[in-house]
Amino acid sequence: MSASASPVGCYGRITSAGAIRPGHLGEVMVSIRGGVEAFLAKDVDGGSIGPYEEVVVVKYDPPRTVYVSRIDDSVRSIEQER
């Protein structure tokens, strides 16, 4: 994977101090490029996402901001079957 690969579709977890609140950025650790990188994060729906919640990146705003959505139980079960 190249250094410029997009994080869209990658999974991550909101950091302990990086909860996302409406109108405010949070922080997410995203599994990408064979490692884990920190990104500023916003909820794609404009809501809140608490610390330690698992998310998926749905939009990327370079250089370090991503829009994320919670991973629901149906996505988790599909991923576990792979």
C-alpha atoms as a PDB file:
ATOM      1  CA  MET A   1       0.000   0.000   0.000  1.00  0.00           C
ATOM      2  CA  SER A   2       1.405   3.417  -0.872  1.00  0.00           C
ATOM      3  CA  ALA A   3       2.083   6.148   1.662  1.00  0.00           C
ATOM      4  CA  SER A   4      -0.712   8.206   0.106  1.00  0.00           C
ATOM      5  CA  ALA A   5      -3.374   5.497   0.479  1.00  0.00           C
ATOM      6  CA  SER A   6      -6.749   6.773   1.618  1.00  0.00           C
ATOM      7  CA  PRO A   7      -8.030   5.687   5.048  1.00  0.00           C
ATOM      8  CA  VAL A   8     -11.609   5.394   3.705  1.00  0.00           C
ATOM      9  CA  GLY A   9     -12.930   1.945   4.588  1.00  0.00           C
ATOM     10  CA  CYS A  10     -10.361   1.411   7.339  1.00  0.00           C
ATOM     11  CA  TYR A  11     -11.402   0.588  10.876  1.00  0.00           C
ATOM     12  CA  GLY A  12     -10.422   2.446  14.007  1.00  0.00           C
ATOM     13  CA  ARG A  13     -11.170   3.141  17.646  1.00  0.00           C
ATOM     14  CA  ILE A  14     -11.888   6.476  19.310  1.00  0.00           C
ATOM     15  CA  THR A  15      -9.137   7.307  21.814  1.00  0.00           C
ATOM     16  CA  SER A  16      -9.770   7.539  25.558  1.00  0.00           C
ATOM     17  CA  ALA A  17      -9.552  11.348  25.509  1.00  0.00           C
ATOM     18  CA  GLY A  18     -10.780  11.829  21.950  1.00  0.00           C
ATOM     19  CA  ALA A  19     -14.560  11.521  22.245  1.00  0.00           C
ATOM     20  CA  ILE A  20     -16.393  13.160  19.349  1.00  0.00           C
ATOM     21  CA  ARG A  21     -19.030  15.759  20.252  1.00  0.00           C
ATOM     22  CA  PRO A  22     -21.317  17.752  17.925  1.00  0.00           C
ATOM     23  CA  GLY A  23     -19.336  20.640  16.452  1.00  0.00           C
ATOM     24  CA  HIS A  24     -16.028  19.399  17.879  1.00  0.00           C
ATOM     25  CA  LEU A  25     -13.245  17.203  16.595  1.00  0.00           C
ATOM     26  CA  GLY A  26     -12.256  14.002  18.337  1.00  0.00           C
ATOM     27  CA  GLU A  27      -9.362  11.614  17.821  1.00  0.00           C
ATOM     28  CA  VAL A  28      -9.331   8.147  16.302  1.00  0.00           C
ATOM     29  CA  MET A  29      -6.576   5.575  15.900  1.00  0.00           C
ATOM     30  CA  VAL A  30      -6.958   4.009  12.442  1.00  0.00           C
ATOM     31  CA  SER A  31      -5.430   0.739  11.223  1.00  0.00           C
ATOM     32  CA  ILE A  32      -3.767   1.724   7.940  1.00  0.00           C
ATOM     33  CA  ARG A  33      -0.613   1.064   5.918  1.00  0.00           C
ATOM     34  CA  GLY A  34       0.394  -1.909   8.091  1.00  0.00           C
ATOM     35  CA  GLY A  35       0.237   0.081  11.322  1.00  0.00           C
ATOM     36  CA  VAL A  36      -1.943   2.428  13.339  1.00  0.00           C
ATOM     37  CA  GLU A  37      -2.148   6.202  12.818  1.00  0.00           C
ATOM     38  CA  ALA A  38      -3.929   8.999  14.678  1.00  0.00           C
ATOM     39  CA  PHE A  39      -6.423  11.201  12.837  1.00  0.00           C
ATOM     40  CA  LEU A  40      -8.695  14.049  13.878  1.00  0.00           C
ATOM     41  CA  ALA A  41     -12.264  12.778  13.587  1.00  0.00           C
ATOM     42  CA  LYS A  42     -15.829  13.964  13.120  1.00  0.00           C
ATOM     43  CA  ASP A  43     -19.008  11.898  13.217  1.00  0.00           C
ATOM     44  CA  VAL A  44     -20.347  11.709   9.656  1.00  0.00           C
ATOM     45  CA  ASP A  45     -23.883  12.257  11.031  1.00  0.00           C
ATOM     46  CA  GLY A  46     -22.852  15.215  13.226  1.00  0.00           C
ATOM     47  CA  GLY A  47     -23.525  13.362  16.478  1.00  0.00           C
ATOM     48  CA  SER A  48     -21.440  12.073  19.367  1.00  0.00           C
ATOM     49  CA  ILE A  49     -19.218   9.021  19.570  1.00  0.00           C
ATOM     50  CA  GLY A  50     -17.746   8.052  22.916  1.00  0.00           C
ATOM     51  CA  PRO A  51     -14.269   6.912  23.902  1.00  0.00           C
ATOM     52  CA  TYR A  52     -13.183   3.395  22.869  1.00  0.00           C
ATOM     53  CA  GLU A  53     -16.022   2.955  20.341  1.00  0.00           C
ATOM     54  CA  GLU A  54     -15.125   1.147  17.124  1.00  0.00           C
ATOM     55  CA  VAL A  55     -15.669   3.108  13.927  1.00  0.00           C
ATOM     56  CA  VAL A  56     -15.157   2.914  10.170  1.00  0.00           C
ATOM     57  CA  VAL A  57     -13.793   5.806   8.105  1.00  0.00           C
ATOM     58  CA  VAL A  58     -16.329   6.925   5.490  1.00  0.00           C
ATOM     59  CA  LYS A  59     -14.736  10.169   4.248  1.00  0.00           C
ATOM     60  CA  TYR A  60     -11.220  11.606   4.237  1.00  0.00           C
ATOM     61  CA  ASP A  61     -10.376  15.320   4.382  1.00  0.00           C
ATOM     62  CA  PRO A  62      -6.582  15.612   3.885  1.00  0.00           C
ATOM     63  CA  PRO A  63      -4.231  15.901   5.523  1.00  0.00           C
ATOM     64  CA  ARG A  64      -5.373  14.367   8.860  1.00  0.00           C
ATOM     65  CA  THR A  65      -9.166  14.640   9.287  1.00  0.00           C
ATOM     66  CA  VAL A  66     -11.584  11.764   8.792  1.00  0.00           C
ATOM     67  CA  TYR A  67     -15.346  11.401   9.044  1.00  0.00           C
ATOM     68  CA  VAL A  68     -16.349   8.220  10.838  1.00  0.00           C
ATOM     69  CA  SER A  69     -19.408   6.122  11.590  1.00  0.00           C
ATOM     70  CA  ARG A  70     -19.983   3.621  14.378  1.00  0.00           C
ATOM     71  CA  ILE A  71     -19.600  -0.030  13.473  1.00  0.00           C
ATOM     72  CA  ASP A  72     -22.878  -1.768  14.227  1.00  0.00           C
ATOM     73  CA  ASP A  73     -23.335  -5.414  15.211  1.00  0.00           C
ATOM     74  CA  SER A  74     -24.168  -6.530  11.655  1.00  0.00           C
ATOM     75  CA  VAL A  75     -20.819  -5.258  10.369  1.00  0.00           C
ATOM     76  CA  ARG A  76     -18.974  -6.936  13.251  1.00  0.00           C
ATOM     77  CA  SER A  77     -20.606 -10.312  12.498  1.00  0.00           C
ATOM     78  CA  ILE A  78     -19.705 -10.074   8.788  1.00  0.00           C
ATOM     79  CA  GLU A  79     -16.092  -9.204   9.628  1.00  0.00           C
ATOM     80  CA  GLN A  80     -15.820 -12.110  12.090  1.00  0.00           C
ATOM     81  CA  GLU A  81     -16.989 -14.555   9.388  1.00  0.00           C
ATOM     82  CA  ARG A  82     -14.102 -13.573   7.084  1.00  0.00           C
END
